[in-house]
PDB file of N, CA and C in Angstrom:
ATOM      1  N   MET A   1       0.776  -1.187  -0.017  1.00  0.00           N
ATOM      2  CA  MET A   1      -0.022   0.052  -0.071  1.00  0.00           C
ATOM      3  C   MET A   1       0.844   1.214   0.033  1.00  0.00           C
ATOM      4  N   THR A   2       0.657   2.130  -0.930  1.00  0.00           N
ATOM      5  CA  THR A   2       1.499   3.350  -1.046  1.00  0.00           C
ATOM      6  C   THR A   2       0.709   4.525  -0.658  1.00  0.00           C
ATOM      7  N   LEU A   3       1.283   5.521   0.015  1.00  0.00           N
ATOM      8  CA  LEU A   3       0.594   6.708   0.369  1.00  0.00           C
ATOM      9  C   LEU A   3       1.175   7.779  -0.467  1.00  0.00           C
ATOM     10  N   ALA A   4       0.263   8.486  -1.162  1.00  0.00           N
ATOM     11  CA  ALA A   4       0.705   9.602  -2.020  1.00  0.00           C
ATOM     12  C   ALA A   4       0.604  10.895  -1.191  1.00  0.00           C
ATOM     13  N   VAL A   5       1.608  11.633  -1.250  1.00  0.00           N
ATOM     14  CA  VAL A   5       1.677  12.938  -0.465  1.00  0.00           C
ATOM     15  C   VAL A   5       0.881  14.036  -1.352  1.00  0.00           C
ATOM     16  N   GLN A   6      -0.083  14.642  -0.809  1.00  0.00           N
ATOM     17  CA  GLN A   6      -0.814  15.618  -1.597  1.00  0.00           C
ATOM     18  C   GLN A   6      -0.346  17.065  -1.129  1.00  0.00           C
ATOM     19  N   SER A   7      -0.451  17.983  -2.139  1.00  0.00           N
ATOM     20  CA  SER A   7      -0.035  19.359  -1.772  1.00  0.00           C
ATOM     21  C   SER A   7      -1.043  19.890  -0.806  1.00  0.00           C
ATOM     22  N   PRO A   8      -0.732  20.837   0.052  1.00  0.00           N
ATOM     23  CA  PRO A   8      -1.668  21.413   1.033  1.00  0.00           C
ATOM     24  C   PRO A   8      -2.975  21.970   0.510  1.00  0.00           C
ATOM     25  N   HIS A   9      -2.866  22.635  -0.649  1.00  0.00           N
ATOM     26  CA  HIS A   9      -4.105  23.172  -1.294  1.00  0.00           C
ATOM     27  C   HIS A   9      -5.096  22.115  -1.779  1.00  0.00           C
ATOM     28  N   ARG A  10      -4.635  20.862  -2.053  1.00  0.00           N
ATOM     29  CA  ARG A  10      -5.458  19.869  -2.548  1.00  0.00           C
ATOM     30  C   ARG A  10      -6.365  19.392  -1.358  1.00  0.00           C
ATOM     31  N   GLN A  11      -6.057  19.591  -0.158  1.00  0.00           N
ATOM     32  CA  GLN A  11      -6.875  19.170   1.019  1.00  0.00           C
ATOM     33  C   GLN A  11      -7.967  20.155   1.248  1.00  0.00           C
ATOM     34  N   LEU A  12      -7.895  21.280   0.673  1.00  0.00           N
ATOM     35  CA  LEU A  12      -8.895  22.349   0.929  1.00  0.00           C
ATOM     36  C   LEU A  12     -10.288  21.909   0.249  1.00  0.00           C
ATOM     37  N   PRO A  13     -11.327  22.419   0.754  1.00  0.00           N
ATOM     38  CA  PRO A  13     -12.675  22.204   0.074  1.00  0.00           C
ATOM     39  C   PRO A  13     -12.609  22.879  -1.283  1.00  0.00           C
ATOM     40  N   ALA A  14     -13.580  22.667  -1.992  1.00  0.00           N
ATOM     41  CA  ALA A  14     -13.682  23.214  -3.403  1.00  0.00           C
ATOM     42  C   ALA A  14     -13.605  24.783  -3.439  1.00  0.00           C
ATOM     43  N   LYS A  15     -14.308  25.444  -2.470  1.00  0.00           N
ATOM     44  CA  LYS A  15     -14.327  26.898  -2.420  1.00  0.00           C
ATOM     45  C   LYS A  15     -12.774  27.433  -2.043  1.00  0.00           C
ATOM     46  N   GLY A  16     -12.178  26.663  -1.153  1.00  0.00           N
ATOM     47  CA  GLY A  16     -10.761  27.052  -0.769  1.00  0.00           C
ATOM     48  C   GLY A  16      -9.898  26.911  -1.927  1.00  0.00           C
ATOM     49  N   ARG A  17     -10.093  25.774  -2.785  1.00  0.00           N
ATOM     50  CA  ARG A  17      -9.206  25.566  -3.985  1.00  0.00           C
ATOM     51  C   ARG A  17      -9.356  26.677  -4.948  1.00  0.00           C
ATOM     52  N   ARG A  18     -10.643  27.191  -5.087  1.00  0.00           N
ATOM     53  CA  ARG A  18     -10.866  28.344  -6.035  1.00  0.00           C
ATOM     54  C   ARG A  18     -10.089  29.585  -5.551  1.00  0.00           C
ATOM     55  N   VAL A  19     -10.273  29.835  -4.184  1.00  0.00           N
ATOM     56  CA  VAL A  19      -9.577  31.029  -3.633  1.00  0.00           C
ATOM     57  C   VAL A  19      -8.107  30.985  -3.797  1.00  0.00           C
ATOM     58  N   TRP A  20      -7.535  29.802  -3.585  1.00  0.00           N
ATOM     59  CA  TRP A  20      -6.164  29.592  -3.704  1.00  0.00           C
ATOM     60  C   TRP A  20      -5.709  29.775  -5.243  1.00  0.00           C
ATOM     61  N   ALA A  21      -6.617  29.287  -6.209  1.00  0.00           N
ATOM     62  CA  ALA A  21      -6.182  29.440  -7.610  1.00  0.00           C
ATOM     63  C   ALA A  21      -6.238  30.895  -7.892  1.00  0.00           C
ATOM     64  N   LEU A  22      -7.184  31.644  -7.369  1.00  0.00           N
ATOM     65  CA  LEU A  22      -7.269  33.055  -7.658  1.00  0.00           C
ATOM     66  C   LEU A  22      -6.058  33.836  -7.063  1.00  0.00           C
ATOM     67  N   VAL A  23      -5.664  33.506  -5.886  1.00  0.00           N
ATOM     68  CA  VAL A  23      -4.468  34.072  -5.282  1.00  0.00           C
ATOM     69  C   VAL A  23      -3.265  33.802  -6.128  1.00  0.00           C
ATOM     70  N   ARG A  24      -3.119  32.493  -6.543  1.00  0.00           N
ATOM     71  CA  ARG A  24      -1.965  32.283  -7.454  1.00  0.00           C
ATOM     72  C   ARG A  24      -1.935  33.062  -8.739  1.00  0.00           C
ATOM     73  N   LYS A  25      -3.155  33.140  -9.392  1.00  0.00           N
ATOM     74  CA  LYS A  25      -3.307  33.869 -10.654  1.00  0.00           C
ATOM     75  C   LYS A  25      -2.970  35.364 -10.346  1.00  0.00           C
ATOM     76  N   GLU A  26      -3.446  35.952  -9.309  1.00  0.00           N
ATOM     77  CA  GLU A  26      -3.196  37.290  -9.169  1.00  0.00           C
ATOM     78  C   GLU A  26      -1.773  37.532  -8.799  1.00  0.00           C
ATOM     79  N   ALA A  27      -1.104  36.658  -8.061  1.00  0.00           N
ATOM     80  CA  ALA A  27       0.285  36.787  -7.775  1.00  0.00           C
ATOM     81  C   ALA A  27       1.134  36.766  -9.152  1.00  0.00           C
ATOM     82  N   HIS A  28       0.769  35.825 -10.044  1.00  0.00           N
ATOM     83  CA  HIS A  28       1.526  35.877 -11.275  1.00  0.00           C
ATOM     84  C   HIS A  28       1.273  37.153 -12.070  1.00  0.00           C
ATOM     85  N   GLN A  29       0.105  37.739 -12.031  1.00  0.00           N
ATOM     86  CA  GLN A  29      -0.166  38.982 -12.730  1.00  0.00           C
ATOM     87  C   GLN A  29       0.613  40.093 -12.162  1.00  0.00           C
ATOM     88  N   MET A  30       0.729  40.034 -10.812  1.00  0.00           N
ATOM     89  CA  MET A  30       1.562  41.188 -10.222  1.00  0.00           C
ATOM     90  C   MET A  30       3.037  41.061 -10.612  1.00  0.00           C
ATOM     91  N   VAL A  31       3.562  39.875 -10.634  1.00  0.00           N
ATOM     92  CA  VAL A  31       4.963  39.596 -11.069  1.00  0.00           C
ATOM     93  C   VAL A  31       5.157  40.091 -12.460  1.00  0.00           C
ATOM     94  N   ARG A  32       4.146  39.827 -13.383  1.00  0.00           N
ATOM     95  CA  ARG A  32       4.383  40.181 -14.818  1.00  0.00           C
ATOM     96  C   ARG A  32       4.171  41.642 -15.030  1.00  0.00           C
ATOM     97  N   ASP A  33       3.307  42.245 -14.314  1.00  0.00           N
ATOM     98  CA  ASP A  33       3.035  43.666 -14.483  1.00  0.00           C
ATOM     99  C   ASP A  33       3.317  44.550 -13.273  1.00  0.00           C
ATOM    100  N   PRO A  34       4.519  45.236 -13.346  1.00  0.00           N
ATOM    101  CA  PRO A  34       4.961  45.991 -12.270  1.00  0.00           C
ATOM    102  C   PRO A  34       4.048  47.137 -11.865  1.00  0.00           C
ATOM    103  N   SER A  35       3.216  47.689 -12.788  1.00  0.00           N
ATOM    104  CA  SER A  35       2.338  48.743 -12.460  1.00  0.00           C
ATOM    105  C   SER A  35       1.275  48.307 -11.536  1.00  0.00           C
ATOM    106  N   SER A  36       0.949  47.044 -11.447  1.00  0.00           N
ATOM    107  CA  SER A  36      -0.092  46.502 -10.502  1.00  0.00           C
ATOM    108  C   SER A  36       0.482  46.574  -9.092  1.00  0.00           C
ATOM    109  N   ILE A  37       1.833  46.314  -8.926  1.00  0.00           N
ATOM    110  CA  ILE A  37       2.506  46.369  -7.654  1.00  0.00           C
ATOM    111  C   ILE A  37       2.419  47.931  -7.143  1.00  0.00           C
ATOM    112  N   ALA A  38       2.575  48.777  -8.019  1.00  0.00           N
ATOM    113  CA  ALA A  38       2.435  50.193  -7.664  1.00  0.00           C
ATOM    114  C   ALA A  38       1.035  50.558  -7.233  1.00  0.00           C
ATOM    115  N   ILE A  39       0.059  50.024  -7.954  1.00  0.00           N
ATOM    116  CA  ILE A  39      -1.346  50.177  -7.474  1.00  0.00           C
ATOM    117  C   ILE A  39      -1.683  49.498  -6.156  1.00  0.00           C
ATOM    118  N   GLY A  40      -1.162  48.344  -6.043  1.00  0.00           N
ATOM    119  CA  GLY A  40      -1.497  47.556  -4.835  1.00  0.00           C
ATOM    120  C   GLY A  40      -0.707  47.803  -3.639  1.00  0.00           C
ATOM    121  N   VAL A  41       0.445  48.403  -3.724  1.00  0.00           N
ATOM    122  CA  VAL A  41       1.351  48.571  -2.510  1.00  0.00           C
ATOM    123  C   VAL A  41       1.664  50.051  -2.390  1.00  0.00           C
ATOM    124  N   VAL A  42       2.166  50.716  -3.456  1.00  0.00           N
ATOM    125  CA  VAL A  42       2.641  52.099  -3.331  1.00  0.00           C
ATOM    126  C   VAL A  42       1.420  53.066  -3.135  1.00  0.00           C
ATOM    127  N   LEU A  43       0.376  52.875  -3.860  1.00  0.00           N
ATOM    128  CA  LEU A  43      -0.712  53.812  -3.684  1.00  0.00           C
ATOM    129  C   LEU A  43      -1.348  53.762  -2.385  1.00  0.00           C
ATOM    130  N   PRO A  44      -1.540  52.555  -1.770  1.00  0.00           N
ATOM    131  CA  PRO A  44      -2.116  52.546  -0.297  1.00  0.00           C
ATOM    132  C   PRO A  44      -1.133  53.290   0.673  1.00  0.00           C
ATOM    133  N   VAL A  45       0.156  53.016   0.556  1.00  0.00           N
ATOM    134  CA  VAL A  45       1.111  53.597   1.424  1.00  0.00           C
ATOM    135  C   VAL A  45       1.047  55.164   1.289  1.00  0.00           C
ATOM    136  N   LEU A  46       1.017  55.600   0.019  1.00  0.00           N
ATOM    137  CA  LEU A  46       0.849  57.049  -0.284  1.00  0.00           C
ATOM    138  C   LEU A  46      -0.332  57.680   0.418  1.00  0.00           C
ATOM    139  N   LEU A  47      -1.500  56.974   0.297  1.00  0.00           N
ATOM    140  CA  LEU A  47      -2.656  57.456   0.864  1.00  0.00           C
ATOM    141  C   LEU A  47      -2.709  57.587   2.389  1.00  0.00           C
ATOM    142  N   ILE A  48      -2.071  56.436   2.931  1.00  0.00           N
ATOM    143  CA  ILE A  48      -2.002  56.421   4.434  1.00  0.00           C
ATOM    144  C   ILE A  48      -1.086  57.692   4.879  1.00  0.00           C
ATOM    145  N   LEU A  49       0.043  57.890   4.186  1.00  0.00           N
ATOM    146  CA  LEU A  49       0.785  59.040   4.615  1.00  0.00           C
ATOM    147  C   LEU A  49       0.090  60.394   4.353  1.00  0.00           C
ATOM    148  N   LEU A  50      -0.621  60.524   3.278  1.00  0.00           N
ATOM    149  CA  LEU A  50      -1.384  61.737   2.959  1.00  0.00           C
ATOM    150  C   LEU A  50      -2.490  62.102   4.012  1.00  0.00           C
ATOM    151  N   PHE A  51      -3.242  60.999   4.337  1.00  0.00           N
ATOM    152  CA  PHE A  51      -4.255  61.229   5.327  1.00  0.00           C
ATOM    153  C   PHE A  51      -3.762  61.240   6.735  1.00  0.00           C
ATOM    154  N   GLY A  52      -2.613  60.587   6.966  1.00  0.00           N
ATOM    155  CA  GLY A  52      -2.053  60.561   8.301  1.00  0.00           C
ATOM    156  C   GLY A  52      -1.508  61.892   8.705  1.00  0.00           C
ATOM    157  N   TYR A  53      -0.797  62.546   7.763  1.00  0.00           N
ATOM    158  CA  TYR A  53      -0.121  63.729   8.083  1.00  0.00           C
ATOM    159  C   TYR A  53      -0.807  65.019   7.598  1.00  0.00           C
ATOM    160  N   GLY A  54      -1.567  64.828   6.445  1.00  0.00           N
ATOM    161  CA  GLY A  54      -2.080  66.047   5.739  1.00  0.00           C
ATOM    162  C   GLY A  54      -3.592  66.281   6.242  1.00  0.00           C
ATOM    163  N   LEU A  55      -4.243  65.366   6.785  1.00  0.00           N
ATOM    164  CA  LEU A  55      -5.633  65.573   7.215  1.00  0.00           C
ATOM    165  C   LEU A  55      -5.704  65.733   8.765  1.00  0.00           C
ATOM    166  N   SER A  56      -6.203  66.718   9.248  1.00  0.00           N
ATOM    167  CA  SER A  56      -6.352  66.964  10.718  1.00  0.00           C
ATOM    168  C   SER A  56      -7.921  66.831  11.040  1.00  0.00           C
ATOM    169  N   LEU A  57      -8.238  66.037  11.922  1.00  0.00           N
ATOM    170  CA  LEU A  57      -9.624  65.870  12.365  1.00  0.00           C
ATOM    171  C   LEU A  57      -9.812  66.593  13.725  1.00  0.00           C
ATOM    172  N   ASP A  58      -8.960  67.333  14.089  1.00  0.00           N
ATOM    173  CA  ASP A  58      -9.089  68.107  15.278  1.00  0.00           C
ATOM    174  C   ASP A  58     -10.192  69.184  15.161  1.00  0.00           C
ATOM    175  N   VAL A  59     -11.128  69.166  16.147  1.00  0.00           N
ATOM    176  CA  VAL A  59     -12.174  70.062  16.045  1.00  0.00           C
ATOM    177  C   VAL A  59     -11.848  71.280  16.945  1.00  0.00           C
ATOM    178  N   ARG A  60     -11.851  72.500  16.458  1.00  0.00           N
ATOM    179  CA  ARG A  60     -11.682  73.596  17.280  1.00  0.00           C
ATOM    180  C   ARG A  60     -12.600  74.715  16.909  1.00  0.00           C
ATOM    181  N   HIS A  61     -12.907  75.573  17.931  1.00  0.00           N
ATOM    182  CA  HIS A  61     -13.782  76.746  17.765  1.00  0.00           C
ATOM    183  C   HIS A  61     -15.215  76.374  17.357  1.00  0.00           C
ATOM    184  N   VAL A  62     -15.833  75.354  18.016  1.00  0.00           N
ATOM    185  CA  VAL A  62     -17.120  74.958  17.777  1.00  0.00           C
ATOM    186  C   VAL A  62     -18.068  75.959  18.472  1.00  0.00           C
ATOM    187  N   PRO A  63     -18.949  76.610  17.778  1.00  0.00           N
ATOM    188  CA  PRO A  63     -19.879  77.492  18.427  1.00  0.00           C
ATOM    189  C   PRO A  63     -20.888  76.772  19.388  1.00  0.00           C
ATOM    190  N   VAL A  64     -20.863  77.116  20.634  1.00  0.00           N
ATOM    191  CA  VAL A  64     -21.704  76.426  21.674  1.00  0.00           C
ATOM    192  C   VAL A  64     -22.356  77.467  22.486  1.00  0.00           C
ATOM    193  N   ALA A  65     -23.595  77.218  22.847  1.00  0.00           N
ATOM    194  CA  ALA A  65     -24.351  78.026  23.812  1.00  0.00           C
ATOM    195  C   ALA A  65     -24.228  77.370  25.238  1.00  0.00           C
ATOM    196  N   VAL A  66     -23.863  78.090  26.183  1.00  0.00           N
ATOM    197  CA  VAL A  66     -23.801  77.550  27.600  1.00  0.00           C
ATOM    198  C   VAL A  66     -24.937  78.290  28.424  1.00  0.00           C
ATOM    199  N   VAL A  67     -25.932  77.611  28.727  1.00  0.00           N
ATOM    200  CA  VAL A  67     -27.050  78.095  29.456  1.00  0.00           C
ATOM    201  C   VAL A  67     -26.801  77.958  30.980  1.00  0.00           C
ATOM    202  N   LEU A  68     -26.526  79.086  31.638  1.00  0.00           N
ATOM    203  CA  LEU A  68     -26.209  79.066  33.053  1.00  0.00           C
ATOM    204  C   LEU A  68     -27.479  79.436  33.848  1.00  0.00           C
ATOM    205  N   GLU A  69     -28.213  78.398  34.326  1.00  0.00           N
ATOM    206  CA  GLU A  69     -29.353  78.677  35.124  1.00  0.00           C
ATOM    207  C   GLU A  69     -29.097  78.665  36.566  1.00  0.00           C
ATOM    208  N   ASP A  70     -27.908  78.234  37.039  1.00  0.00           N
ATOM    209  CA  ASP A  70     -27.509  78.174  38.468  1.00  0.00           C
ATOM    210  C   ASP A  70     -26.417  79.225  38.715  1.00  0.00           C
ATOM    211  N   PRO A  71     -26.643  80.052  39.696  1.00  0.00           N
ATOM    212  CA  PRO A  71     -25.717  81.101  39.982  1.00  0.00           C
ATOM    213  C   PRO A  71     -24.574  80.720  40.899  1.00  0.00           C
ATOM    214  N   SER A  72     -24.495  79.441  41.268  1.00  0.00           N
ATOM    215  CA  SER A  72     -23.546  79.023  42.238  1.00  0.00           C
ATOM    216  C   SER A  72     -22.101  79.175  41.755  1.00  0.00           C
ATOM    217  N   PRO A  73     -21.166  79.269  42.629  1.00  0.00           N
ATOM    218  CA  PRO A  73     -19.744  79.376  42.074  1.00  0.00           C
ATOM    219  C   PRO A  73     -19.252  78.215  41.380  1.00  0.00           C
ATOM    220  N   ALA A  74     -19.688  77.032  41.635  1.00  0.00           N
ATOM    221  CA  ALA A  74     -19.287  75.798  40.984  1.00  0.00           C
ATOM    222  C   ALA A  74     -19.773  75.926  39.510  1.00  0.00           C
ATOM    223  N   ALA A  75     -21.048  76.347  39.328  1.00  0.00           N
ATOM    224  CA  ALA A  75     -21.603  76.471  37.982  1.00  0.00           C
ATOM    225  C   ALA A  75     -20.900  77.452  37.181  1.00  0.00           C
ATOM    226  N   ARG A  76     -20.607  78.591  37.807  1.00  0.00           N
ATOM    227  CA  ARG A  76     -19.822  79.703  37.068  1.00  0.00           C
ATOM    228  C   ARG A  76     -18.387  79.132  36.729  1.00  0.00           C
ATOM    229  N   GLU A  77     -17.927  78.319  37.529  1.00  0.00           N
ATOM    230  CA  GLU A  77     -16.513  77.777  37.231  1.00  0.00           C
ATOM    231  C   GLU A  77     -16.593  76.946  36.043  1.00  0.00           C
ATOM    232  N   LEU A  78     -17.602  76.063  36.015  1.00  0.00           N
ATOM    233  CA  LEU A  78     -17.810  75.169  34.825  1.00  0.00           C
ATOM    234  C   LEU A  78     -17.950  75.929  33.556  1.00  0.00           C
ATOM    235  N   ALA A  79     -18.765  77.035  33.544  1.00  0.00           N
ATOM    236  CA  ALA A  79     -19.031  77.794  32.418  1.00  0.00           C
ATOM    237  C   ALA A  79     -17.626  78.527  31.996  1.00  0.00           C
ATOM    238  N   ALA A  80     -16.973  78.961  32.998  1.00  0.00           N
ATOM    239  CA  ALA A  80     -15.612  79.613  32.711  1.00  0.00           C
ATOM    240  C   ALA A  80     -14.659  78.647  31.973  1.00  0.00           C
ATOM    241  N   ARG A  81     -14.712  77.387  32.463  1.00  0.00           N
ATOM    242  CA  ARG A  81     -13.856  76.342  31.815  1.00  0.00           C
ATOM    243  C   ARG A  81     -14.221  76.097  30.354  1.00  0.00           C
ATOM    244  N   PHE A  82     -15.471  76.172  30.086  1.00  0.00           N
ATOM    245  CA  PHE A  82     -15.851  76.068  28.690  1.00  0.00           C
ATOM    246  C   PHE A  82     -15.338  77.248  27.953  1.00  0.00           C
ATOM    247  N   GLN A  83     -15.431  78.443  28.487  1.00  0.00           N
ATOM    248  CA  GLN A  83     -15.002  79.626  27.806  1.00  0.00           C
ATOM    249  C   GLN A  83     -13.494  79.719  27.463  1.00  0.00           C
ATOM    250  N   LEU A  84     -12.782  79.053  28.410  1.00  0.00           N
ATOM    251  CA  LEU A  84     -11.262  79.071  28.283  1.00  0.00           C
ATOM    252  C   LEU A  84     -10.770  77.966  27.390  1.00  0.00           C
ATOM    253  N   SER A  85     -11.628  77.027  27.005  1.00  0.00           N
ATOM    254  CA  SER A  85     -11.206  75.872  26.151  1.00  0.00           C
ATOM    255  C   SER A  85     -11.027  76.443  24.666  1.00  0.00           C
ATOM    256  N   PRO A  86     -10.009  75.920  24.059  1.00  0.00           N
ATOM    257  CA  PRO A  86      -9.721  76.286  22.707  1.00  0.00           C
ATOM    258  C   PRO A  86     -10.695  75.552  21.679  1.00  0.00           C
ATOM    259  N   TYR A  87     -11.444  74.699  22.129  1.00  0.00           N
ATOM    260  CA  TYR A  87     -12.355  73.859  21.383  1.00  0.00           C
ATOM    261  C   TYR A  87     -13.738  74.539  21.147  1.00  0.00           C
ATOM    262  N   PHE A  88     -14.078  75.418  22.013  1.00  0.00           N
ATOM    263  CA  PHE A  88     -15.431  75.982  21.972  1.00  0.00           C
ATOM    264  C   PHE A  88     -15.394  77.476  21.886  1.00  0.00           C
ATOM    265  N   ASP A  89     -16.234  78.075  21.086  1.00  0.00           N
ATOM    266  CA  ASP A  89     -16.533  79.507  21.095  1.00  0.00           C
ATOM    267  C   ASP A  89     -17.944  79.624  21.743  1.00  0.00           C
ATOM    268  N   VAL A  90     -17.855  80.035  23.067  1.00  0.00           N
ATOM    269  CA  VAL A  90     -19.009  79.985  23.879  1.00  0.00           C
ATOM    270  C   VAL A  90     -19.753  81.297  23.812  1.00  0.00           C
ATOM    271  N   GLN A  91     -21.129  81.099  23.758  1.00  0.00           N
ATOM    272  CA  GLN A  91     -22.046  82.180  24.028  1.00  0.00           C
ATOM    273  C   GLN A  91     -22.755  81.815  25.339  1.00  0.00           C
ATOM    274  N   LEU A  92     -22.482  82.748  26.401  1.00  0.00           N
ATOM    275  CA  LEU A  92     -23.100  82.450  27.652  1.00  0.00           C
ATOM    276  C   LEU A  92     -24.462  83.121  27.736  1.00  0.00           C
ATOM    277  N   LEU A  93     -25.385  82.247  28.031  1.00  0.00           N
ATOM    278  CA  LEU A  93     -26.815  82.679  28.078  1.00  0.00           C
ATOM    279  C   LEU A  93     -27.373  82.282  29.468  1.00  0.00           C
ATOM    280  N   THR A  94     -28.566  82.937  29.728  1.00  0.00           N
ATOM    281  CA  THR A  94     -29.201  82.596  31.071  1.00  0.00           C
ATOM    282  C   THR A  94     -30.549  81.917  30.900  1.00  0.00           C
ATOM    283  N   ALA A  95     -30.996  81.728  29.634  1.00  0.00           N
ATOM    284  CA  ALA A  95     -32.349  81.149  29.492  1.00  0.00           C
ATOM    285  C   ALA A  95     -32.293  80.205  28.307  1.00  0.00           C
ATOM    286  N   MET A  96     -32.960  79.043  28.425  1.00  0.00           N
ATOM    287  CA  MET A  96     -32.942  77.943  27.548  1.00  0.00           C
ATOM    288  C   MET A  96     -33.646  78.410  26.205  1.00  0.00           C
ATOM    289  N   PRO A  97     -34.729  79.113  26.111  1.00  0.00           N
ATOM    290  CA  PRO A  97     -35.410  79.586  24.924  1.00  0.00           C
ATOM    291  C   PRO A  97     -34.310  80.342  23.987  1.00  0.00           C
ATOM    292  N   LEU A  98     -33.507  81.119  24.556  1.00  0.00           N
ATOM    293  CA  LEU A  98     -32.504  81.895  23.683  1.00  0.00           C
ATOM    294  C   LEU A  98     -31.553  80.880  23.053  1.00  0.00           C
ATOM    295  N   ALA A  99     -31.176  79.862  23.829  1.00  0.00           N
ATOM    296  CA  ALA A  99     -30.256  78.809  23.214  1.00  0.00           C
ATOM    297  C   ALA A  99     -30.990  78.065  22.148  1.00  0.00           C
ATOM    298  N   GLN A 100     -32.234  77.745  22.261  1.00  0.00           N
ATOM    299  CA  GLN A 100     -32.985  77.079  21.322  1.00  0.00           C
ATOM    300  C   GLN A 100     -33.103  77.839  19.978  1.00  0.00           C
ATOM    301  N   GLU A 101     -33.318  79.161  20.164  1.00  0.00           N
ATOM    302  CA  GLU A 101     -33.435  80.029  19.001  1.00  0.00           C
ATOM    303  C   GLU A 101     -32.083  80.053  18.218  1.00  0.00           C
ATOM    304  N   LEU A 102     -30.902  80.158  19.030  1.00  0.00           N
ATOM    305  CA  LEU A 102     -29.636  80.124  18.395  1.00  0.00           C
ATOM    306  C   LEU A 102     -29.430  78.767  17.636  1.00  0.00           C
ATOM    307  N   MET A 103     -29.814  77.753  18.235  1.00  0.00           N
ATOM    308  CA  MET A 103     -29.692  76.404  17.609  1.00  0.00           C
ATOM    309  C   MET A 103     -30.504  76.214  16.407  1.00  0.00           C
ATOM    310  N   LEU A 104     -31.707  76.806  16.378  1.00  0.00           N
ATOM    311  CA  LEU A 104     -32.599  76.653  15.122  1.00  0.00           C
ATOM    312  C   LEU A 104     -32.134  77.606  14.132  1.00  0.00           C
ATOM    313  N   ALA A 105     -31.530  78.726  14.446  1.00  0.00           N
ATOM    314  CA  ALA A 105     -30.907  79.633  13.500  1.00  0.00           C
ATOM    315  C   ALA A 105     -29.603  79.226  12.954  1.00  0.00           C
ATOM    316  N   ARG A 106     -29.051  77.954  13.529  1.00  0.00           N
ATOM    317  CA  ARG A 106     -27.653  77.419  13.202  1.00  0.00           C
ATOM    318  C   ARG A 106     -26.514  78.332  13.530  1.00  0.00           C
ATOM    319  N   LYS A 107     -26.734  79.162  14.611  1.00  0.00           N
ATOM    320  CA  LYS A 107     -25.723  79.928  15.022  1.00  0.00           C
ATOM    321  C   LYS A 107     -24.781  79.273  16.099  1.00  0.00           C
ATOM    322  N   VAL A 108     -25.295  78.196  16.662  1.00  0.00           N
ATOM    323  CA  VAL A 108     -24.521  77.331  17.562  1.00  0.00           C
ATOM    324  C   VAL A 108     -24.704  75.942  17.102  1.00  0.00           C
ATOM    325  N   ASP A 109     -23.743  75.088  17.430  1.00  0.00           N
ATOM    326  CA  ASP A 109     -23.746  73.644  17.016  1.00  0.00           C
ATOM    327  C   ASP A 109     -24.227  72.827  18.297  1.00  0.00           C
ATOM    328  N   GLY A 110     -24.267  73.344  19.402  1.00  0.00           N
ATOM    329  CA  GLY A 110     -24.588  72.634  20.520  1.00  0.00           C
ATOM    330  C   GLY A 110     -25.023  73.387  21.793  1.00  0.00           C
ATOM    331  N   VAL A 111     -25.657  72.856  22.740  1.00  0.00           N
ATOM    332  CA  VAL A 111     -26.127  73.581  23.974  1.00  0.00           C
ATOM    333  C   VAL A 111     -25.614  72.818  25.137  1.00  0.00           C
ATOM    334  N   VAL A 112     -24.963  73.577  26.123  1.00  0.00           N
ATOM    335  CA  VAL A 112     -24.622  72.915  27.375  1.00  0.00           C
ATOM    336  C   VAL A 112     -25.624  73.619  28.339  1.00  0.00           C
ATOM    337  N   ARG A 113     -26.367  72.806  29.064  1.00  0.00           N
ATOM    338  CA  ARG A 113     -27.345  73.527  29.974  1.00  0.00           C
ATOM    339  C   ARG A 113     -26.911  73.196  31.375  1.00  0.00           C
ATOM    340  N   ILE A 114     -26.679  74.145  32.185  1.00  0.00           N
ATOM    341  CA  ILE A 114     -26.302  73.951  33.568  1.00  0.00           C
ATOM    342  C   ILE A 114     -27.510  74.316  34.341  1.00  0.00           C
ATOM    343  N   ARG A 115     -28.252  73.270  34.909  1.00  0.00           N
ATOM    344  CA  ARG A 115     -29.473  73.427  35.596  1.00  0.00           C
ATOM    345  C   ARG A 115     -29.425  74.100  36.978  1.00  0.00           C
ATOM    346  N   PRO A 116     -30.479  74.608  37.391  1.00  0.00           N
ATOM    347  CA  PRO A 116     -30.511  75.267  38.737  1.00  0.00           C
ATOM    348  C   PRO A 116     -30.093  74.431  39.877  1.00  0.00           C
ATOM    349  N   ASP A 117     -30.200  73.111  39.757  1.00  0.00           N
ATOM    350  CA  ASP A 117     -29.896  72.231  40.882  1.00  0.00           C
ATOM    351  C   ASP A 117     -28.421  71.643  40.708  1.00  0.00           C
ATOM    352  N   PHE A 118     -27.657  72.355  39.923  1.00  0.00           N
ATOM    353  CA  PHE A 118     -26.180  71.915  39.729  1.00  0.00           C
ATOM    354  C   PHE A 118     -25.404  71.957  41.052  1.00  0.00           C
TER     355      PHE A 118
END
C-alpha cells in the first residue's frame, strides 16, 4: 500500500481551492506587470501618509451656547472652563429659549445646560 503525499491546497474544500487558484493567478499577474504592484502597494502607502499627516480631524472653535441657570460658584466655574477651552466658542446665556433660537438659526452647534440644581 502506497501513500501519495498531496499538496496542502488539495486538502482544501472546493471553495478554498478556487480562492487559492485566484491568489496564485493574481500573484502571477503582479509579477508580470509591475504597475499593479504600484497600485497594490505604493498607492495605499501614499494614501496612508497623505491622510495621516495632511488631514487633521481636530475640532476647534465649535460654536456652543452655555445656558447658566445656576448662579453658584461651581456652575460659574464650569461655564468659565468652557469659555477658556480652545475647542469651543461659547455664548453664555441665562435662558434655554434663547439657546433654542440660536440652535434653530444654526448659530450654535450645541447647547450645554447647567440646571438650577447643579
